[in-house]
Amino acid sequence: MISQNDQAKGLLLTAIGVLAIVPDSILIRLIQADILTITFWRALIPGVLISTAVLLFYRKPTLSFIKSPGASGIIFIITHSIGTLLFVVAIELTSIASALFIISTSPVFAAIISRIFLKEKISLRMIFTIVGALIGIGFITFGSFNEEEFFAVGDVAALGVATCLAISLTAARSASNFSMIPAVGISSLLTPLCIVYFINPFNLLYLDWIYILLLGVVFAPIATCLIATGPRYITSAEVSLLLLLEAVLAPILAWLILFEIPHSSTIYGGLIVLSVLIVSNIIALRQNR
């Protein structure tokens, strides 16, 4: 049974973690560099920090994981790495609102993938959630096709992020006997290693370095650590509800800072996605209690 103190602690930690990740998409847009260069630094800096931390504090389990990551660990590393690249592609090639609304549907794809590979049943609640989320994505994508061609490409990339996130979460669940934190560090180092030969990573403006350091040293590590810690004290439904804050706050921040106004169909589709996910998570929360 979760005590009130643990409940408050979990909600606070997760909320701070979500607030820390909100500026992520804005900082990516502010950096005046190509997609691969942004991805390189966005993955490398947190990768070095996370890998150093796990080697210092969890040396034995980390070395054991490196020696034998297993199929689940390898799947997690690959999908997390691909998702890191696709996230930057999505933010750069479509509106921030469209990208985050689509990415927020990852629990829907996780349910489908868990059904296929883990043989988990899909409840009526999840069927309702899947149908509603797909309708919302349809509205968002329709608006992007009416704008410019690269907007639609960005939406497809966001869909790829949601799928990669769903696969990595399913892989983590299938190997619940060990932590996937070492896999996050390995994946974050693998991504820049794969693209370093195609870029000049040091060809950046002065302001770009400031944005990259804010992103890699401050916001990304804080968000990663706190969001990963929150589920120890609160339910997954509560974590999912708090994570939806990013899809609400980041577009508002983009409007205030970047003067980016999303297409009307993006707003309608986003409202459908958020409403369906909120109702679904509230039902799950009531069932858990």
Protein backbone atom coordinates (compact mmCIF):
# COMPACT_ATOMS: atom_id res chain seq x y z
CA MET A 1 0.00 0.00 0.00
CA ILE A 2 1.41 3.41 -1.00
CA SER A 3 1.52 5.87 1.92
CA GLN A 4 0.47 9.50 1.54
CA ASN A 5 4.09 10.62 2.01
CA ASP A 6 5.29 8.29 -0.78
CA GLN A 7 2.39 9.44 -2.96
CA ALA A 8 3.32 13.10 -2.51
CA LYS A 9 7.02 12.33 -3.05
CA GLY A 10 6.36 10.39 -6.25
CA LEU A 11 4.05 13.06 -7.65
CA LEU A 12 6.55 15.83 -6.85
CA LEU A 13 9.56 14.00 -8.34
CA THR A 14 7.69 13.05 -11.51
CA ALA A 15 6.18 16.52 -11.95
CA ILE A 16 9.61 18.17 -11.64
CA GLY A 17 11.02 15.63 -14.10
CA VAL A 18 8.27 16.37 -16.63
CA LEU A 19 8.75 20.13 -16.22
CA ALA A 20 12.49 19.62 -16.83
CA ILE A 21 11.83 17.89 -20.14
CA VAL A 22 9.38 20.51 -21.43
CA PRO A 23 12.14 22.89 -22.74
CA ASP A 24 13.74 19.97 -24.65
CA SER A 25 11.91 20.57 -27.94
CA ILE A 26 12.31 24.37 -27.68
CA LEU A 27 16.08 24.12 -27.22
CA ILE A 28 16.34 21.72 -30.19
CA ARG A 29 14.60 24.33 -32.36
CA LEU A 30 16.84 27.15 -31.10
CA ILE A 31 20.06 25.32 -32.00
CA GLN A 32 21.20 26.48 -35.47
CA ALA A 33 22.65 23.16 -36.62
CA ASP A 34 21.66 20.19 -38.75
CA ILE A 35 19.63 17.27 -37.40
CA LEU A 36 22.56 14.85 -37.06
CA THR A 37 24.73 17.37 -35.17
CA ILE A 38 21.94 18.13 -32.70
CA THR A 39 21.31 14.40 -32.23
CA PHE A 40 25.04 13.80 -31.65
CA TRP A 41 25.30 16.22 -28.72
CA ARG A 42 21.82 15.55 -27.35
CA ALA A 43 22.73 11.86 -27.01
CA LEU A 44 26.45 12.10 -26.16
CA ILE A 45 26.37 14.41 -23.14
CA PRO A 46 23.58 12.62 -21.21
CA GLY A 47 25.12 9.30 -22.32
CA VAL A 48 28.46 10.15 -20.75
CA LEU A 49 26.82 11.42 -17.55
CA ILE A 50 24.47 8.43 -17.17
CA SER A 51 27.19 5.86 -18.03
CA THR A 52 29.61 7.42 -15.54
CA ALA A 53 26.95 7.45 -12.81
CA VAL A 54 25.92 3.80 -13.27
CA LEU A 55 29.55 2.66 -13.36
CA LEU A 56 30.28 4.53 -10.13
CA PHE A 57 27.18 3.55 -8.17
CA TYR A 58 26.06 0.28 -9.83
CA ARG A 59 29.39 -1.09 -11.04
CA LYS A 60 28.72 -4.83 -10.62
CA PRO A 61 25.22 -5.02 -12.19
CA THR A 62 26.34 -2.66 -14.97
CA LEU A 63 29.33 -4.83 -15.89
CA SER A 64 27.09 -7.92 -15.77
CA PHE A 65 24.63 -6.24 -18.15
CA ILE A 66 27.43 -5.23 -20.56
CA LYS A 67 28.72 -8.82 -20.64
CA SER A 68 25.28 -10.32 -21.22
CA PRO A 69 22.57 -7.78 -22.19
CA GLY A 70 20.23 -10.50 -23.49
CA ALA A 71 17.74 -10.13 -26.34
CA SER A 72 15.60 -7.64 -24.37
CA GLY A 73 18.62 -5.45 -23.60
CA ILE A 74 19.75 -5.42 -27.24
CA ILE A 75 16.23 -4.55 -28.45
CA PHE A 76 16.02 -1.75 -25.87
CA ILE A 77 19.41 -0.30 -26.89
CA ILE A 78 18.60 -0.34 -30.63
CA THR A 79 15.08 1.10 -30.36
CA HIS A 80 16.13 3.75 -27.82
CA SER A 81 18.96 4.82 -30.14
CA ILE A 82 16.69 5.04 -33.21
CA GLY A 83 14.04 6.88 -31.18
CA THR A 84 16.62 9.48 -30.08
CA LEU A 85 17.39 10.33 -33.72
CA LEU A 86 13.75 10.29 -34.82
CA PHE A 87 12.76 12.66 -31.98
CA VAL A 88 15.07 15.38 -33.31
CA VAL A 89 13.81 14.72 -36.87
CA ALA A 90 10.20 15.07 -35.69
CA ILE A 91 10.82 18.31 -33.78
CA GLU A 92 12.70 19.85 -36.72
CA LEU A 93 10.31 18.77 -39.50
CA THR A 94 6.86 19.29 -38.00
CA SER A 95 5.26 21.51 -35.40
CA ILE A 96 6.18 20.85 -31.78
CA ALA A 97 2.51 20.35 -30.96
CA SER A 98 2.03 17.71 -33.67
CA ALA A 99 5.21 15.84 -32.68
CA LEU A 100 4.42 15.70 -28.96
CA PHE A 101 0.74 14.83 -29.41
CA ILE A 102 1.71 11.87 -31.60
CA ILE A 103 4.56 10.75 -29.31
CA SER A 104 2.20 10.83 -26.31
CA THR A 105 0.32 7.89 -27.87
CA SER A 106 3.24 5.50 -27.16
CA PRO A 107 1.23 3.63 -24.43
CA VAL A 108 -1.27 2.69 -27.16
CA PHE A 109 1.44 1.08 -29.29
CA ALA A 110 2.94 -0.51 -26.17
CA ALA A 111 -0.40 -2.25 -25.52
CA ILE A 112 -0.53 -3.59 -29.09
CA ILE A 113 3.11 -4.77 -29.01
CA SER A 114 2.62 -6.38 -25.58
CA ARG A 115 -0.39 -8.23 -26.97
CA ILE A 116 1.63 -9.57 -29.92
CA PHE A 117 4.87 -10.51 -28.14
CA LEU A 118 3.94 -10.91 -24.46
CA LYS A 119 0.45 -12.33 -25.08
CA GLU A 120 -1.09 -9.76 -22.73
CA LYS A 121 -4.83 -9.18 -23.08
CA ILE A 122 -6.09 -5.82 -24.34
CA SER A 123 -8.87 -4.56 -22.08
CA LEU A 124 -11.96 -2.69 -23.25
CA ARG A 125 -10.37 0.46 -21.81
CA MET A 126 -7.31 0.03 -24.05
CA ILE A 127 -9.47 -0.72 -27.13
CA PHE A 128 -11.27 2.59 -26.51
CA THR A 129 -7.89 4.31 -26.02
CA ILE A 130 -6.39 2.81 -29.21
CA VAL A 131 -9.34 3.81 -31.40
CA GLY A 132 -9.51 7.33 -29.95
CA ALA A 133 -5.76 7.89 -30.25
CA LEU A 134 -5.71 6.71 -33.88
CA ILE A 135 -8.56 9.11 -34.71
CA GLY A 136 -6.59 11.94 -33.10
CA ILE A 137 -3.43 11.02 -35.04
CA GLY A 138 -5.52 10.99 -38.22
CA PHE A 139 -6.63 14.60 -37.60
CA ILE A 140 -3.04 15.72 -36.90
CA THR A 141 -1.60 14.03 -39.99
CA PHE A 142 -4.41 15.36 -42.20
CA GLY A 143 -3.49 18.91 -41.18
CA SER A 144 0.21 18.28 -41.88
CA PHE A 145 -0.52 17.00 -45.41
CA ASN A 146 -2.42 20.23 -46.05
CA GLU A 147 0.58 22.34 -45.01
CA GLU A 148 3.92 21.27 -46.50
CA GLU A 149 5.37 17.89 -47.44
CA PHE A 150 8.08 17.90 -44.77
CA PHE A 151 5.42 18.39 -42.08
CA ALA A 152 4.03 14.98 -42.96
CA VAL A 153 7.56 13.51 -42.82
CA GLY A 154 7.93 14.97 -39.31
CA ASP A 155 4.65 13.36 -38.25
CA VAL A 156 5.85 9.98 -39.54
CA ALA A 157 9.08 10.46 -37.56
CA ALA A 158 7.02 11.24 -34.43
CA LEU A 159 5.03 8.05 -35.04
CA GLY A 160 8.38 6.25 -35.24
CA VAL A 161 9.39 7.74 -31.87
CA ALA A 162 6.15 6.52 -30.28
CA THR A 163 6.70 3.03 -31.74
CA CYS A 164 10.36 2.88 -30.63
CA LEU A 165 9.38 4.03 -27.15
CA ALA A 166 6.65 1.38 -27.01
CA ILE A 167 9.05 -1.37 -28.10
CA SER A 168 11.72 -0.31 -25.60
CA LEU A 169 9.18 -0.20 -22.76
CA THR A 170 7.90 -3.65 -23.71
CA ALA A 171 11.49 -4.97 -23.81
CA ALA A 172 12.11 -3.50 -20.34
CA ARG A 173 8.94 -5.13 -19.00
CA SER A 174 9.88 -8.50 -20.46
CA ALA A 175 13.15 -8.39 -18.51
CA SER A 176 11.91 -6.88 -15.25
CA ASN A 177 14.51 -8.82 -13.23
CA PHE A 178 17.21 -6.29 -14.11
CA SER A 179 17.42 -2.53 -14.62
CA MET A 180 17.60 -1.00 -18.10
CA ILE A 181 19.43 2.12 -16.89
CA PRO A 182 22.80 0.75 -18.17
CA ALA A 183 21.07 0.19 -21.52
CA VAL A 184 20.08 3.88 -21.62
CA GLY A 185 23.74 4.86 -21.17
CA ILE A 186 24.95 2.40 -23.83
CA SER A 187 22.25 3.50 -26.28
CA SER A 188 23.04 7.17 -25.72
CA LEU A 189 26.70 6.51 -26.53
CA LEU A 190 25.88 4.27 -29.51
CA THR A 191 23.84 6.97 -31.27
CA PRO A 192 26.65 9.56 -31.63
CA LEU A 193 29.12 6.80 -32.50
CA CYS A 194 26.98 5.86 -35.51
CA ILE A 195 26.69 9.40 -36.88
CA VAL A 196 30.00 11.07 -35.97
CA TYR A 197 31.52 10.20 -39.37
CA PHE A 198 28.81 12.12 -41.22
CA ILE A 199 29.08 15.46 -39.38
CA ASN A 200 31.41 18.11 -38.03
CA PRO A 201 30.16 18.20 -34.44
CA PHE A 202 32.23 21.24 -33.40
CA ASN A 203 30.90 23.49 -36.15
CA LEU A 204 28.49 25.33 -33.87
CA LEU A 205 27.70 28.92 -32.99
CA TYR A 206 28.40 30.32 -29.52
CA LEU A 207 24.72 30.35 -28.57
CA ASP A 208 24.36 26.78 -29.83
CA TRP A 209 26.88 25.59 -27.22
CA ILE A 210 24.86 27.27 -24.47
CA TYR A 211 21.64 25.59 -25.62
CA ILE A 212 23.37 22.20 -25.98
CA LEU A 213 24.89 22.40 -22.49
CA LEU A 214 21.53 23.40 -21.00
CA LEU A 215 19.90 20.49 -22.80
CA GLY A 216 22.54 17.83 -22.14
CA VAL A 217 23.86 18.77 -18.70
CA VAL A 218 20.82 20.27 -16.97
CA PHE A 219 17.41 19.37 -18.38
CA ALA A 220 17.92 15.89 -19.88
CA PRO A 221 19.70 14.30 -16.84
CA ILE A 222 17.26 15.83 -14.34
CA ALA A 223 14.25 14.69 -16.36
CA THR A 224 15.65 11.19 -16.93
CA CYS A 225 16.53 10.58 -13.28
CA LEU A 226 13.35 12.00 -11.74
CA ILE A 227 10.92 10.41 -14.21
CA ALA A 228 12.69 7.06 -13.71
CA THR A 229 12.42 7.46 -9.90
CA GLY A 230 8.76 8.52 -9.77
CA PRO A 231 7.25 5.07 -10.54
CA ARG A 232 8.86 3.71 -7.37
CA TYR A 233 6.31 5.73 -5.35
CA ILE A 234 3.25 6.15 -7.58
CA THR A 235 1.35 4.01 -10.08
CA SER A 236 2.07 3.89 -13.82
CA ALA A 237 -1.31 5.53 -14.50
CA GLU A 238 -0.33 8.54 -12.39
CA VAL A 239 3.05 8.74 -14.15
CA SER A 240 1.29 8.61 -17.55
CA LEU A 241 -1.05 11.43 -16.57
CA LEU A 242 1.84 13.63 -15.48
CA LEU A 243 3.79 12.86 -18.66
CA LEU A 244 0.90 14.33 -20.66
CA LEU A 245 1.87 17.71 -19.20
CA GLU A 246 4.72 17.88 -21.71
CA ALA A 247 2.30 17.59 -24.65
CA VAL A 248 0.28 20.47 -23.14
CA LEU A 249 3.03 22.82 -21.89
CA ALA A 250 5.64 22.47 -24.67
CA PRO A 251 3.30 23.75 -27.46
CA ILE A 252 2.36 26.70 -25.23
CA LEU A 253 6.06 27.43 -24.68
CA ALA A 254 6.67 27.12 -28.44
CA TRP A 255 3.90 29.65 -29.05
CA LEU A 256 5.36 32.12 -26.53
CA ILE A 257 9.04 31.76 -27.51
CA LEU A 258 9.03 30.63 -31.16
CA PHE A 259 5.65 32.19 -32.12
CA GLU A 260 4.65 28.79 -33.53
CA ILE A 261 0.89 28.47 -33.96
CA PRO A 262 -0.21 24.90 -34.73
CA HIS A 263 -2.70 24.08 -37.50
CA SER A 264 -6.34 23.89 -36.36
CA SER A 265 -6.53 20.17 -37.20
CA THR A 266 -3.45 19.63 -35.01
CA ILE A 267 -5.25 21.29 -32.11
CA TYR A 268 -8.42 19.21 -32.66
CA GLY A 269 -6.43 16.00 -33.04
CA GLY A 270 -4.31 16.82 -30.01
CA LEU A 271 -7.40 17.48 -27.90
CA ILE A 272 -8.81 14.09 -28.95
CA VAL A 273 -5.52 12.31 -28.10
CA LEU A 274 -5.12 14.04 -24.74
CA SER A 275 -8.77 13.57 -23.76
CA VAL A 276 -8.71 9.87 -24.59
CA LEU A 277 -5.43 9.29 -22.73
CA ILE A 278 -6.54 11.28 -19.68
CA VAL A 279 -9.86 9.40 -19.42
CA SER A 280 -8.08 6.07 -19.95
CA ASN A 281 -5.48 6.77 -17.27
CA ILE A 282 -8.07 8.01 -14.78
CA ILE A 283 -10.05 4.77 -15.27
CA ALA A 284 -6.84 2.75 -14.77
CA LEU A 285 -6.04 4.75 -11.64
CA ARG A 286 -9.49 4.10 -10.17
CA GLN A 287 -9.18 0.38 -10.95
CA ASN A 288 -5.75 0.20 -9.29
CA ARG A 289 -7.04 1.88 -6.16
